[in-house]
């Protein structure tokens, strides 16, 4: 199991988990849910108490990944398997991402 903190405008909004079977889960933190001024991180992740589950990386996070030659360079330089989308997300979305969401490895 691997986990990442999901930051929205540099505030921790929730946790993204890749389970041992390769499936994914996203859940908002209770404090984020309790603050009615805090928005959902995207239209595809409205603020709800339930955990979001998917057999593959959620499209919202997948769309944050580099493509083409940029992906190849990042994978080669960081020794990441090109099919390891979660590893690639952890590497590329921790500092520089488009929009308000960043992804920080737990641990």
PDB file of N, CA and C in Angstrom:
ATOM      1  N   UNK A   1       0.844  -1.174   0.000  1.00  0.00           N
ATOM      2  CA  UNK A   1       0.000   0.000   0.000  1.00  0.00           C
ATOM      3  C   UNK A   1       0.890   1.238   0.000  1.00  0.00           C
ATOM      4  N   UNK A   2       0.539   2.190  -0.854  1.00  0.00           N
ATOM      5  CA  UNK A   2       1.225   3.479  -0.899  1.00  0.00           C
ATOM      6  C   UNK A   2       0.191   4.578  -0.717  1.00  0.00           C
ATOM      7  N   UNK A   3       0.611   5.650  -0.068  1.00  0.00           N
ATOM      8  CA  UNK A   3      -0.319   6.741   0.186  1.00  0.00           C
ATOM      9  C   UNK A   3       0.311   8.085  -0.137  1.00  0.00           C
ATOM     10  N   UNK A   4      -0.564   9.046  -0.446  1.00  0.00           N
ATOM     11  CA  UNK A   4      -0.130  10.403  -0.726  1.00  0.00           C
ATOM     12  C   UNK A   4      -1.116  11.388  -0.119  1.00  0.00           C
ATOM     13  N   UNK A   5      -0.559  12.473   0.427  1.00  0.00           N
ATOM     14  CA  UNK A   5      -1.391  13.576   0.896  1.00  0.00           C
ATOM     15  C   UNK A   5      -1.808  14.380  -0.326  1.00  0.00           C
ATOM     16  N   UNK A   6      -3.058  14.773  -0.355  1.00  0.00           N
ATOM     17  CA  UNK A   6      -3.553  15.617  -1.431  1.00  0.00           C
ATOM     18  C   UNK A   6      -3.728  17.021  -0.863  1.00  0.00           C
ATOM     19  N   UNK A   7      -2.951  17.956  -1.412  1.00  0.00           N
ATOM     20  CA  UNK A   7      -2.996  19.336  -0.960  1.00  0.00           C
ATOM     21  C   UNK A   7      -3.780  20.177  -1.947  1.00  0.00           C
ATOM     22  N   UNK A   8      -4.647  21.013  -1.418  1.00  0.00           N
ATOM     23  CA  UNK A   8      -5.392  21.973  -2.224  1.00  0.00           C
ATOM     24  C   UNK A   8      -4.996  23.352  -1.734  1.00  0.00           C
ATOM     25  N   UNK A   9      -4.366  24.124  -2.595  1.00  0.00           N
ATOM     26  CA  UNK A   9      -3.840  25.447  -2.228  1.00  0.00           C
ATOM     27  C   UNK A   9      -2.984  25.342  -0.963  1.00  0.00           C
ATOM     28  N   UNK A  10      -2.105  24.340  -0.946  1.00  0.00           N
ATOM     29  CA  UNK A  10      -1.145  24.092   0.132  1.00  0.00           C
ATOM     30  C   UNK A  10      -1.772  23.703   1.468  1.00  0.00           C
ATOM     31  N   UNK A  11      -3.031  23.321   1.482  1.00  0.00           N
ATOM     32  CA  UNK A  11      -3.679  22.795   2.683  1.00  0.00           C
ATOM     33  C   UNK A  11      -4.057  21.340   2.419  1.00  0.00           C
ATOM     34  N   UNK A  12      -3.801  20.481   3.395  1.00  0.00           N
ATOM     35  CA  UNK A  12      -4.070  19.058   3.224  1.00  0.00           C
ATOM     36  C   UNK A  12      -5.579  18.803   3.225  1.00  0.00           C
ATOM     37  N   UNK A  13      -6.072  18.322   2.088  1.00  0.00           N
ATOM     38  CA  UNK A  13      -7.506  18.089   1.917  1.00  0.00           C
ATOM     39  C   UNK A  13      -7.902  16.631   2.128  1.00  0.00           C
ATOM     40  N   UNK A  14      -7.023  15.705   1.775  1.00  0.00           N
ATOM     41  CA  UNK A  14      -7.384  14.298   1.880  1.00  0.00           C
ATOM     42  C   UNK A  14      -6.198  13.399   1.623  1.00  0.00           C
ATOM     43  N   UNK A  15      -6.515  12.125   1.438  1.00  0.00           N
ATOM     44  CA  UNK A  15      -5.466  11.114   1.248  1.00  0.00           C
ATOM     45  C   UNK A  15      -5.829  10.228   0.062  1.00  0.00           C
ATOM     46  N   UNK A  16      -4.839   9.983  -0.787  1.00  0.00           N
ATOM     47  CA  UNK A  16      -4.982   9.080  -1.921  1.00  0.00           C
ATOM     48  C   UNK A  16      -4.187   7.823  -1.605  1.00  0.00           C
ATOM     49  N   UNK A  17      -4.818   6.675  -1.756  1.00  0.00           N
ATOM     50  CA  UNK A  17      -4.188   5.400  -1.425  1.00  0.00           C
ATOM     51  C   UNK A  17      -4.179   4.490  -2.636  1.00  0.00           C
ATOM     52  N   UNK A  18      -3.026   3.852  -2.875  1.00  0.00           N
ATOM     53  CA  UNK A  18      -2.964   2.753  -3.831  1.00  0.00           C
ATOM     54  C   UNK A  18      -2.861   1.480  -3.009  1.00  0.00           C
ATOM     55  N   UNK A  19      -3.867   0.648  -3.095  1.00  0.00           N
ATOM     56  CA  UNK A  19      -3.909  -0.603  -2.337  1.00  0.00           C
ATOM     57  C   UNK A  19      -2.988  -1.643  -2.962  1.00  0.00           C
ATOM     58  N   UNK A  20      -2.718  -2.691  -2.212  1.00  0.00           N
ATOM     59  CA  UNK A  20      -1.816  -3.754  -2.670  1.00  0.00           C
ATOM     60  C   UNK A  20      -2.312  -4.445  -3.941  1.00  0.00           C
ATOM     61  N   UNK A  21      -3.617  -4.447  -4.171  1.00  0.00           N
ATOM     62  CA  UNK A  21      -4.158  -5.071  -5.376  1.00  0.00           C
ATOM     63  C   UNK A  21      -4.137  -4.134  -6.589  1.00  0.00           C
ATOM     64  N   UNK A  22      -3.607  -2.912  -6.404  1.00  0.00           N
ATOM     65  CA  UNK A  22      -3.506  -1.950  -7.502  1.00  0.00           C
ATOM     66  C   UNK A  22      -4.676  -0.989  -7.596  1.00  0.00           C
ATOM     67  N   UNK A  23      -5.710  -1.202  -6.792  1.00  0.00           N
ATOM     68  CA  UNK A  23      -6.859  -0.300  -6.806  1.00  0.00           C
ATOM     69  C   UNK A  23      -6.522   0.981  -6.037  1.00  0.00           C
ATOM     70  N   UNK A  24      -7.374   1.991  -6.206  1.00  0.00           N
ATOM     71  CA  UNK A  24      -7.139   3.296  -5.596  1.00  0.00           C
ATOM     72  C   UNK A  24      -8.339   3.742  -4.775  1.00  0.00           C
ATOM     73  N   UNK A  25      -8.051   4.559  -3.767  1.00  0.00           N
ATOM     74  CA  UNK A  25      -9.099   5.144  -2.936  1.00  0.00           C
ATOM     75  C   UNK A  25      -8.710   6.582  -2.602  1.00  0.00           C
ATOM     76  N   UNK A  26      -9.703   7.450  -2.568  1.00  0.00           N
ATOM     77  CA  UNK A  26      -9.488   8.830  -2.134  1.00  0.00           C
ATOM     78  C   UNK A  26     -10.535   9.165  -1.090  1.00  0.00           C
ATOM     79  N   UNK A  27     -10.081   9.807  -0.012  1.00  0.00           N
ATOM     80  CA  UNK A  27     -10.990  10.223   1.061  1.00  0.00           C
ATOM     81  C   UNK A  27     -10.558  11.594   1.564  1.00  0.00           C
ATOM     82  N   UNK A  28     -11.559  12.462   1.752  1.00  0.00           N
ATOM     83  CA  UNK A  28     -11.300  13.766   2.366  1.00  0.00           C
ATOM     84  C   UNK A  28     -11.052  13.589   3.858  1.00  0.00           C
ATOM     85  N   UNK A  29     -10.202  14.433   4.420  1.00  0.00           N
ATOM     86  CA  UNK A  29      -9.995  14.446   5.865  1.00  0.00           C
ATOM     87  C   UNK A  29     -11.251  14.984   6.550  1.00  0.00           C
ATOM     88  N   UNK A  30     -11.498  14.531   7.771  1.00  0.00           N
ATOM     89  CA  UNK A  30     -12.674  14.968   8.522  1.00  0.00           C
ATOM     90  C   UNK A  30     -12.680  16.481   8.724  1.00  0.00           C
ATOM     91  N   UNK A  31     -11.521  17.062   9.013  1.00  0.00           N
ATOM     92  CA  UNK A  31     -11.434  18.513   9.229  1.00  0.00           C
ATOM     93  C   UNK A  31     -11.803  19.276   7.958  1.00  0.00           C
ATOM     94  N   UNK A  32     -11.411  18.754   6.807  1.00  0.00           N
ATOM     95  CA  UNK A  32     -11.750  19.395   5.527  1.00  0.00           C
ATOM     96  C   UNK A  32     -13.262  19.322   5.303  1.00  0.00           C
ATOM     97  N   UNK A  33     -13.830  18.179   5.631  1.00  0.00           N
ATOM     98  CA  UNK A  33     -15.276  18.005   5.466  1.00  0.00           C
ATOM     99  C   UNK A  33     -16.059  18.918   6.405  1.00  0.00           C
ATOM    100  N   UNK A  34     -15.556  19.128   7.618  1.00  0.00           N
ATOM    101  CA  UNK A  34     -16.265  19.917   8.618  1.00  0.00           C
ATOM    102  C   UNK A  34     -16.264  21.409   8.298  1.00  0.00           C
ATOM    103  N   UNK A  35     -15.286  21.867   7.532  1.00  0.00           N
ATOM    104  CA  UNK A  35     -15.190  23.287   7.189  1.00  0.00           C
ATOM    105  C   UNK A  35     -15.986  23.542   5.910  1.00  0.00           C
ATOM    106  N   UNK A  36     -17.125  24.193   6.047  1.00  0.00           N
ATOM    107  CA  UNK A  36     -18.019  24.411   4.901  1.00  0.00           C
ATOM    108  C   UNK A  36     -17.447  25.396   3.883  1.00  0.00           C
ATOM    109  N   UNK A  37     -16.395  26.090   4.239  1.00  0.00           N
ATOM    110  CA  UNK A  37     -15.755  27.022   3.313  1.00  0.00           C
ATOM    111  C   UNK A  37     -14.777  26.315   2.379  1.00  0.00           C
ATOM    112  N   UNK A  38     -14.382  25.097   2.734  1.00  0.00           N
ATOM    113  CA  UNK A  38     -13.434  24.341   1.916  1.00  0.00           C
ATOM    114  C   UNK A  38     -14.173  23.665   0.760  1.00  0.00           C
ATOM    115  N   UNK A  39     -13.670  23.856  -0.469  1.00  0.00           N
ATOM    116  CA  UNK A  39     -14.339  23.255  -1.632  1.00  0.00           C
ATOM    117  C   UNK A  39     -13.866  21.822  -1.885  1.00  0.00           C
ATOM    118  N   UNK A  40     -14.528  21.145  -2.798  1.00  0.00           N
ATOM    119  CA  UNK A  40     -14.027  19.885  -3.297  1.00  0.00           C
ATOM    120  C   UNK A  40     -12.782  20.166  -4.136  1.00  0.00           C
ATOM    121  N   UNK A  41     -11.898  19.206  -4.262  1.00  0.00           N
ATOM    122  CA  UNK A  41     -10.661  19.452  -5.006  1.00  0.00           C
ATOM    123  C   UNK A  41     -10.896  19.519  -6.515  1.00  0.00           C
ATOM    124  N   UNK A  42     -12.016  18.957  -6.973  1.00  0.00           N
ATOM    125  CA  UNK A  42     -12.381  19.027  -8.394  1.00  0.00           C
ATOM    126  C   UNK A  42     -13.869  18.710  -8.530  1.00  0.00           C
ATOM    127  N   UNK A  43     -14.396  18.925  -9.712  1.00  0.00           N
ATOM    128  CA  UNK A  43     -15.802  18.596  -9.954  1.00  0.00           C
ATOM    129  C   UNK A  43     -16.037  17.087  -9.865  1.00  0.00           C
ATOM    130  N   UNK A  44     -15.005  16.309 -10.172  1.00  0.00           N
ATOM    131  CA  UNK A  44     -15.151  14.849 -10.110  1.00  0.00           C
ATOM    132  C   UNK A  44     -14.996  14.309  -8.693  1.00  0.00           C
ATOM    133  N   UNK A  45     -14.606  15.163  -7.745  1.00  0.00           N
ATOM    134  CA  UNK A  45     -14.489  14.781  -6.336  1.00  0.00           C
ATOM    135  C   UNK A  45     -15.250  15.775  -5.454  1.00  0.00           C
ATOM    136  N   UNK A  46     -16.586  15.811  -5.567  1.00  0.00           N
ATOM    137  CA  UNK A  46     -17.334  16.699  -4.674  1.00  0.00           C
ATOM    138  C   UNK A  46     -17.156  16.246  -3.224  1.00  0.00           C
ATOM    139  N   UNK A  47     -17.322  17.180  -2.306  1.00  0.00           N
ATOM    140  CA  UNK A  47     -17.148  16.852  -0.886  1.00  0.00           C
ATOM    141  C   UNK A  47     -18.280  15.950  -0.413  1.00  0.00           C
ATOM    142  N   UNK A  48     -17.937  14.710  -0.138  1.00  0.00           N
ATOM    143  CA  UNK A  48     -18.879  13.739   0.425  1.00  0.00           C
ATOM    144  C   UNK A  48     -18.130  12.903   1.456  1.00  0.00           C
ATOM    145  N   UNK A  49     -18.866  12.342   2.387  1.00  0.00           N
ATOM    146  CA  UNK A  49     -18.257  11.543   3.458  1.00  0.00           C
ATOM    147  C   UNK A  49     -17.687  10.222   2.953  1.00  0.00           C
ATOM    148  N   UNK A  50     -18.246   9.701   1.878  1.00  0.00           N
ATOM    149  CA  UNK A  50     -17.830   8.390   1.387  1.00  0.00           C
ATOM    150  C   UNK A  50     -16.424   8.419   0.802  1.00  0.00           C
ATOM    151  N   UNK A  51     -15.813   7.261   0.752  1.00  0.00           N
ATOM    152  CA  UNK A  51     -14.510   7.106   0.120  1.00  0.00           C
ATOM    153  C   UNK A  51     -14.726   6.818  -1.359  1.00  0.00           C
ATOM    154  N   UNK A  52     -13.989   7.480  -2.195  1.00  0.00           N
ATOM    155  CA  UNK A  52     -14.031   7.208  -3.630  1.00  0.00           C
ATOM    156  C   UNK A  52     -13.114   6.024  -3.916  1.00  0.00           C
ATOM    157  N   UNK A  53     -13.577   5.079  -4.725  1.00  0.00           N
ATOM    158  CA  UNK A  53     -12.794   3.879  -5.034  1.00  0.00           C
ATOM    159  C   UNK A  53     -12.754   3.662  -6.543  1.00  0.00           C
ATOM    160  N   UNK A  54     -11.622   3.144  -7.026  1.00  0.00           N
ATOM    161  CA  UNK A  54     -11.468   2.871  -8.450  1.00  0.00           C
ATOM    162  C   UNK A  54     -10.443   1.760  -8.646  1.00  0.00           C
ATOM    163  N   UNK A  55     -10.638   0.962  -9.674  1.00  0.00           N
ATOM    164  CA  UNK A  55      -9.678  -0.105  -9.984  1.00  0.00           C
ATOM    165  C   UNK A  55      -8.419   0.454 -10.644  1.00  0.00           C
ATOM    166  N   UNK A  56      -8.511   1.659 -11.190  1.00  0.00           N
ATOM    167  CA  UNK A  56      -7.348   2.308 -11.808  1.00  0.00           C
ATOM    168  C   UNK A  56      -7.228   3.725 -11.249  1.00  0.00           C
ATOM    169  N   UNK A  57      -6.111   4.383 -11.559  1.00  0.00           N
ATOM    170  CA  UNK A  57      -5.910   5.741 -11.074  1.00  0.00           C
ATOM    171  C   UNK A  57      -7.044   6.628 -11.575  1.00  0.00           C
ATOM    172  N   UNK A  58      -7.627   7.406 -10.681  1.00  0.00           N
ATOM    173  CA  UNK A  58      -8.740   8.283 -11.035  1.00  0.00           C
ATOM    174  C   UNK A  58      -8.338   9.210 -12.190  1.00  0.00           C
ATOM    175  N   UNK A  59      -9.241   9.451 -13.142  1.00  0.00           N
ATOM    176  CA  UNK A  59      -8.908  10.321 -14.278  1.00  0.00           C
ATOM    177  C   UNK A  59      -8.390  11.701 -13.856  1.00  0.00           C
ATOM    178  N   UNK A  60      -8.922  12.265 -12.783  1.00  0.00           N
ATOM    179  CA  UNK A  60      -8.454  13.572 -12.317  1.00  0.00           C
ATOM    180  C   UNK A  60      -6.953  13.544 -12.053  1.00  0.00           C
ATOM    181  N   UNK A  61      -6.472  12.518 -11.362  1.00  0.00           N
ATOM    182  CA  UNK A  61      -5.047  12.409 -11.053  1.00  0.00           C
ATOM    183  C   UNK A  61      -4.245  11.951 -12.276  1.00  0.00           C
ATOM    184  N   UNK A  62      -4.811  11.053 -13.073  1.00  0.00           N
ATOM    185  CA  UNK A  62      -4.133  10.583 -14.280  1.00  0.00           C
ATOM    186  C   UNK A  62      -3.827  11.752 -15.218  1.00  0.00           C
ATOM    187  N   UNK A  63      -4.739  12.704 -15.301  1.00  0.00           N
ATOM    188  CA  UNK A  63      -4.561  13.856 -16.186  1.00  0.00           C
ATOM    189  C   UNK A  63      -3.495  14.823 -15.694  1.00  0.00           C
ATOM    190  N   UNK A  64      -2.985  14.619 -14.487  1.00  0.00           N
ATOM    191  CA  UNK A  64      -1.890  15.436 -13.969  1.00  0.00           C
ATOM    192  C   UNK A  64      -0.525  14.895 -14.423  1.00  0.00           C
ATOM    193  N   UNK A  65      -0.500  13.713 -15.029  1.00  0.00           N
ATOM    194  CA  UNK A  65       0.753  13.054 -15.409  1.00  0.00           C
ATOM    195  C   UNK A  65       1.317  13.622 -16.711  1.00  0.00           C
ATOM    196  N   UNK A  66       2.658  13.624 -16.829  1.00  0.00           N
ATOM    197  CA  UNK A  66       3.262  14.028 -18.106  1.00  0.00           C
ATOM    198  C   UNK A  66       2.989  12.969 -19.171  1.00  0.00           C
ATOM    199  N   UNK A  67       3.087  13.391 -20.420  1.00  0.00           N
ATOM    200  CA  UNK A  67       2.836  12.480 -21.537  1.00  0.00           C
ATOM    201  C   UNK A  67       4.004  12.505 -22.507  1.00  0.00           C
ATOM    202  N   UNK A  68       4.019  11.541 -23.401  1.00  0.00           N
ATOM    203  CA  UNK A  68       4.967  11.519 -24.503  1.00  0.00           C
ATOM    204  C   UNK A  68       6.412  11.540 -24.062  1.00  0.00           C
ATOM    205  N   UNK A  69       7.198  12.387 -24.714  1.00  0.00           N
ATOM    206  CA  UNK A  69       8.632  12.439 -24.426  1.00  0.00           C
ATOM    207  C   UNK A  69       8.913  12.949 -23.020  1.00  0.00           C
ATOM    208  N   UNK A  70       8.063  13.843 -22.498  1.00  0.00           N
ATOM    209  CA  UNK A  70       8.240  14.314 -21.120  1.00  0.00           C
ATOM    210  C   UNK A  70       8.100  13.162 -20.136  1.00  0.00           C
ATOM    211  N   UNK A  71       7.114  12.307 -20.352  1.00  0.00           N
ATOM    212  CA  UNK A  71       6.923  11.143 -19.488  1.00  0.00           C
ATOM    213  C   UNK A  71       8.135  10.219 -19.573  1.00  0.00           C
ATOM    214  N   UNK A  72       8.615   9.989 -20.776  1.00  0.00           N
ATOM    215  CA  UNK A  72       9.763   9.102 -20.983  1.00  0.00           C
ATOM    216  C   UNK A  72      11.002   9.641 -20.263  1.00  0.00           C
ATOM    217  N   UNK A  73      11.234  10.925 -20.346  1.00  0.00           N
ATOM    218  CA  UNK A  73      12.397  11.537 -19.691  1.00  0.00           C
ATOM    219  C   UNK A  73      12.280  11.410 -18.178  1.00  0.00           C
ATOM    220  N   UNK A  74      11.107  11.737 -17.631  1.00  0.00           N
ATOM    221  CA  UNK A  74      10.902  11.653 -16.181  1.00  0.00           C
ATOM    222  C   UNK A  74      11.067  10.218 -15.700  1.00  0.00           C
ATOM    223  N   UNK A  75      10.502   9.269 -16.415  1.00  0.00           N
ATOM    224  CA  UNK A  75      10.601   7.860 -16.020  1.00  0.00           C
ATOM    225  C   UNK A  75      12.044   7.373 -16.075  1.00  0.00           C
ATOM    226  N   UNK A  76      12.754   7.702 -17.132  1.00  0.00           N
ATOM    227  CA  UNK A  76      14.147   7.273 -17.255  1.00  0.00           C
ATOM    228  C   UNK A  76      15.009   7.912 -16.170  1.00  0.00           C
ATOM    229  N   UNK A  77      14.882   9.205 -15.973  1.00  0.00           N
ATOM    230  CA  UNK A  77      15.706   9.928 -15.012  1.00  0.00           C
ATOM    231  C   UNK A  77      15.469   9.451 -13.580  1.00  0.00           C
ATOM    232  N   UNK A  78      14.210   9.180 -13.233  1.00  0.00           N
ATOM    233  CA  UNK A  78      13.846   8.783 -11.866  1.00  0.00           C
ATOM    234  C   UNK A  78      13.712   7.278 -11.687  1.00  0.00           C
ATOM    235  N   UNK A  79      13.998   6.520 -12.754  1.00  0.00           N
ATOM    236  CA  UNK A  79      13.896   5.060 -12.717  1.00  0.00           C
ATOM    237  C   UNK A  79      12.514   4.581 -12.271  1.00  0.00           C
ATOM    238  N   UNK A  80      11.516   5.119 -12.924  1.00  0.00           N
ATOM    239  CA  UNK A  80      10.119   4.768 -12.656  1.00  0.00           C
ATOM    240  C   UNK A  80       9.595   3.968 -13.839  1.00  0.00           C
ATOM    241  N   UNK A  81       8.943   2.864 -13.568  1.00  0.00           N
ATOM    242  CA  UNK A  81       8.310   2.079 -14.625  1.00  0.00           C
ATOM    243  C   UNK A  81       7.245   2.953 -15.290  1.00  0.00           C
ATOM    244  N   UNK A  82       7.175   2.938 -16.615  1.00  0.00           N
ATOM    245  CA  UNK A  82       6.223   3.801 -17.330  1.00  0.00           C
ATOM    246  C   UNK A  82       4.769   3.453 -17.020  1.00  0.00           C
ATOM    247  N   UNK A  83       4.510   2.274 -16.456  1.00  0.00           N
ATOM    248  CA  UNK A  83       3.154   1.865 -16.078  1.00  0.00           C
ATOM    249  C   UNK A  83       2.856   2.161 -14.607  1.00  0.00           C
ATOM    250  N   UNK A  84       3.829   2.685 -13.874  1.00  0.00           N
ATOM    251  CA  UNK A  84       3.643   3.015 -12.453  1.00  0.00           C
ATOM    252  C   UNK A  84       3.104   4.435 -12.342  1.00  0.00           C
ATOM    253  N   UNK A  85       1.813   4.580 -12.601  1.00  0.00           N
ATOM    254  CA  UNK A  85       1.196   5.896 -12.618  1.00  0.00           C
ATOM    255  C   UNK A  85       1.245   6.580 -11.256  1.00  0.00           C
ATOM    256  N   UNK A  86       1.081   5.811 -10.189  1.00  0.00           N
ATOM    257  CA  UNK A  86       1.126   6.401  -8.851  1.00  0.00           C
ATOM    258  C   UNK A  86       2.533   6.918  -8.544  1.00  0.00           C
ATOM    259  N   UNK A  87       3.554   6.139  -8.872  1.00  0.00           N
ATOM    260  CA  UNK A  87       4.933   6.579  -8.677  1.00  0.00           C
ATOM    261  C   UNK A  87       5.253   7.818  -9.488  1.00  0.00           C
ATOM    262  N   UNK A  88       4.762   7.858 -10.711  1.00  0.00           N
ATOM    263  CA  UNK A  88       4.956   9.013 -11.572  1.00  0.00           C
ATOM    264  C   UNK A  88       4.237  10.242 -11.010  1.00  0.00           C
ATOM    265  N   UNK A  89       3.031  10.038 -10.506  1.00  0.00           N
ATOM    266  CA  UNK A  89       2.272  11.126  -9.888  1.00  0.00           C
ATOM    267  C   UNK A  89       3.008  11.676  -8.673  1.00  0.00           C
ATOM    268  N   UNK A  90       3.536  10.788  -7.833  1.00  0.00           N
ATOM    269  CA  UNK A  90       4.268  11.221  -6.643  1.00  0.00           C
ATOM    270  C   UNK A  90       5.509  12.032  -7.014  1.00  0.00           C
ATOM    271  N   UNK A  91       6.134  11.688  -8.114  1.00  0.00           N
ATOM    272  CA  UNK A  91       7.352  12.366  -8.548  1.00  0.00           C
ATOM    273  C   UNK A  91       7.063  13.716  -9.192  1.00  0.00           C
ATOM    274  N   UNK A  92       6.037  13.777 -10.010  1.00  0.00           N
ATOM    275  CA  UNK A  92       5.824  14.985 -10.811  1.00  0.00           C
ATOM    276  C   UNK A  92       4.864  15.996 -10.201  1.00  0.00           C
ATOM    277  N   UNK A  93       3.996  15.589  -9.310  1.00  0.00           N
ATOM    278  CA  UNK A  93       2.968  16.506  -8.802  1.00  0.00           C
ATOM    279  C   UNK A  93       3.242  17.003  -7.388  1.00  0.00           C
ATOM    280  N   UNK A  94       4.462  16.821  -6.889  1.00  0.00           N
ATOM    281  CA  UNK A  94       4.721  17.265  -5.523  1.00  0.00           C
ATOM    282  C   UNK A  94       5.087  18.738  -5.452  1.00  0.00           C
ATOM    283  N   UNK A  95       5.734  19.267  -6.465  1.00  0.00           N
ATOM    284  CA  UNK A  95       6.133  20.669  -6.438  1.00  0.00           C
ATOM    285  C   UNK A  95       5.442  21.506  -7.496  1.00  0.00           C
ATOM    286  N   UNK A  96       5.401  20.977  -8.689  1.00  0.00           N
ATOM    287  CA  UNK A  96       4.952  21.767  -9.832  1.00  0.00           C
ATOM    288  C   UNK A  96       3.792  21.071 -10.512  1.00  0.00           C
ATOM    289  N   UNK A  97       2.603  21.590 -10.301  1.00  0.00           N
ATOM    290  CA  UNK A  97       1.448  21.009 -10.975  1.00  0.00           C
ATOM    291  C   UNK A  97       0.556  22.133 -11.484  1.00  0.00           C
ATOM    292  N   UNK A  98      -0.231  21.808 -12.482  1.00  0.00           N
ATOM    293  CA  UNK A  98      -1.163  22.778 -13.025  1.00  0.00           C
ATOM    294  C   UNK A  98      -2.369  22.808 -12.095  1.00  0.00           C
ATOM    295  N   UNK A  99      -2.769  23.978 -11.680  1.00  0.00           N
ATOM    296  CA  UNK A  99      -3.913  24.102 -10.794  1.00  0.00           C
ATOM    297  C   UNK A  99      -3.529  24.139  -9.343  1.00  0.00           C
ATOM    298  N   UNK A 100      -4.499  23.934  -8.470  1.00  0.00           N
ATOM    299  CA  UNK A 100      -4.331  24.110  -7.036  1.00  0.00           C
ATOM    300  C   UNK A 100      -3.969  22.838  -6.287  1.00  0.00           C
ATOM    301  N   UNK A 101      -3.920  21.695  -6.968  1.00  0.00           N
ATOM    302  CA  UNK A 101      -3.723  20.414  -6.298  1.00  0.00           C
ATOM    303  C   UNK A 101      -2.277  19.936  -6.451  1.00  0.00           C
ATOM    304  N   UNK A 102      -1.703  19.511  -5.322  1.00  0.00           N
ATOM    305  CA  UNK A 102      -0.385  18.881  -5.315  1.00  0.00           C
ATOM    306  C   UNK A 102      -0.505  17.538  -4.599  1.00  0.00           C
ATOM    307  N   UNK A 103       0.450  16.647  -4.876  1.00  0.00           N
ATOM    308  CA  UNK A 103       0.431  15.288  -4.351  1.00  0.00           C
ATOM    309  C   UNK A 103       1.770  15.040  -3.652  1.00  0.00           C
ATOM    310  N   UNK A 104       1.725  14.743  -2.344  1.00  0.00           N
ATOM    311  CA  UNK A 104       2.923  14.558  -1.536  1.00  0.00           C
ATOM    312  C   UNK A 104       2.923  13.153  -0.950  1.00  0.00           C
ATOM    313  N   UNK A 105       4.010  12.434  -1.150  1.00  0.00           N
ATOM    314  CA  UNK A 105       4.137  11.067  -0.638  1.00  0.00           C
ATOM    315  C   UNK A 105       4.065  11.041   0.883  1.00  0.00           C
ATOM    316  N   UNK A 106       3.341  10.075   1.417  1.00  0.00           N
ATOM    317  CA  UNK A 106       3.278   9.848   2.875  1.00  0.00           C
ATOM    318  C   UNK A 106       4.417   8.924   3.242  1.00  0.00           C
ATOM    319  N   UNK A 107       5.171   9.314   4.280  1.00  0.00           N
ATOM    320  CA  UNK A 107       6.234   8.444   4.761  1.00  0.00           C
ATOM    321  C   UNK A 107       7.560   8.673   4.181  1.00  0.00           C
TER     322      UNK A 107
END
